[in-house]
């Protein structure tokens, strides 16, 4: 897995299996991360505007339940 972009304490974007994979940091007292592949729409938005990841990561933190079904249990460093 190759790290593409990092914004400390916000997200890390990786390329994994020719797809974009994001790890978003969440929580204030207990910090964790949620990891998932970007879908086709999210990938297209990222390719148009690199600032899209800031918007996406904020949405993940504010609406984490909407993303839990996409969470990949292994960590990005498992490859």
Protein backbone atom coordinates (compact mmCIF):
# COMPACT_ATOMS: atom_id res chain seq x y z
CA UNK A 1 0.00 0.00 0.00
CA UNK A 2 1.31 3.41 -0.96
CA UNK A 3 0.64 6.57 1.05
CA UNK A 4 -0.64 9.31 -1.28
CA UNK A 5 -1.54 12.18 1.03
CA UNK A 6 -1.55 12.90 4.76
CA UNK A 7 -3.11 15.57 6.90
CA UNK A 8 -2.01 14.82 10.48
CA UNK A 9 -4.82 14.20 12.97
CA UNK A 10 -7.32 14.28 10.08
CA UNK A 11 -6.79 11.59 7.44
CA UNK A 12 -4.33 9.53 5.44
CA UNK A 13 -5.03 8.58 1.84
CA UNK A 14 -3.50 5.42 0.42
CA UNK A 15 -3.54 3.60 -2.88
CA UNK A 16 -4.33 -0.05 -2.32
CA UNK A 17 -5.15 -2.60 -5.02
CA UNK A 18 -5.37 0.27 -7.57
CA UNK A 19 -8.06 1.95 -5.47
CA UNK A 20 -8.03 4.90 -3.08
CA UNK A 21 -8.31 3.98 0.59
CA UNK A 22 -8.77 6.53 3.37
CA UNK A 23 -8.15 6.33 7.08
CA UNK A 24 -10.03 9.08 8.96
CA UNK A 25 -9.17 9.96 12.56
CA UNK A 26 -12.14 10.56 14.86
CA UNK A 27 -12.82 11.16 18.54
CA UNK A 28 -11.55 13.62 21.10
CA UNK A 29 -11.23 11.70 24.37
CA UNK A 30 -10.76 8.32 22.78
CA UNK A 31 -9.12 8.57 19.38
CA UNK A 32 -9.73 5.97 16.70
CA UNK A 33 -9.85 5.68 12.96
CA UNK A 34 -12.26 4.41 10.34
CA UNK A 35 -10.80 2.95 7.16
CA UNK A 36 -12.59 2.49 3.83
CA UNK A 37 -12.19 2.57 0.08
CA UNK A 38 -13.44 5.67 -1.70
CA UNK A 39 -16.37 4.87 -3.96
CA UNK A 40 -16.43 5.98 -7.61
CA UNK A 41 -18.16 9.30 -6.85
CA UNK A 42 -15.75 10.16 -4.03
CA UNK A 43 -12.77 9.25 -6.21
CA UNK A 44 -14.06 11.50 -9.01
CA UNK A 45 -14.59 14.38 -6.57
CA UNK A 46 -11.07 13.91 -5.17
CA UNK A 47 -9.61 13.91 -8.68
CA UNK A 48 -11.43 17.19 -9.42
CA UNK A 49 -10.62 18.90 -6.12
CA UNK A 50 -7.91 17.73 -3.73
CA UNK A 51 -9.64 19.63 -0.90
CA UNK A 52 -12.52 17.17 -1.13
CA UNK A 53 -10.83 14.94 1.45
CA UNK A 54 -11.15 17.65 4.09
CA UNK A 55 -14.89 17.80 3.42
CA UNK A 56 -15.20 14.01 3.41
CA UNK A 57 -13.21 13.53 6.61
CA UNK A 58 -15.31 16.17 8.39
CA UNK A 59 -18.50 14.43 7.24
CA UNK A 60 -17.16 11.09 8.45
CA UNK A 61 -16.50 12.52 11.93
CA UNK A 62 -19.87 14.27 12.12
CA UNK A 63 -21.87 11.36 10.68
CA UNK A 64 -19.74 8.33 11.48
CA UNK A 65 -22.74 5.98 11.57
CA UNK A 66 -23.21 6.61 7.84
CA UNK A 67 -19.76 5.12 7.19
CA UNK A 68 -19.54 2.21 9.63
CA UNK A 69 -20.78 -0.34 7.10
CA UNK A 70 -17.85 0.62 4.83
CA UNK A 71 -15.21 0.21 7.55
CA UNK A 72 -12.41 -2.22 6.76
CA UNK A 73 -11.17 -3.90 9.90
CA UNK A 74 -7.53 -4.33 8.89
CA UNK A 75 -5.22 -1.39 9.32
CA UNK A 76 -3.58 0.32 6.35
CA UNK A 77 -0.20 -0.99 7.47
CA UNK A 78 -1.33 -4.63 7.20
CA UNK A 79 -0.03 -4.82 3.61
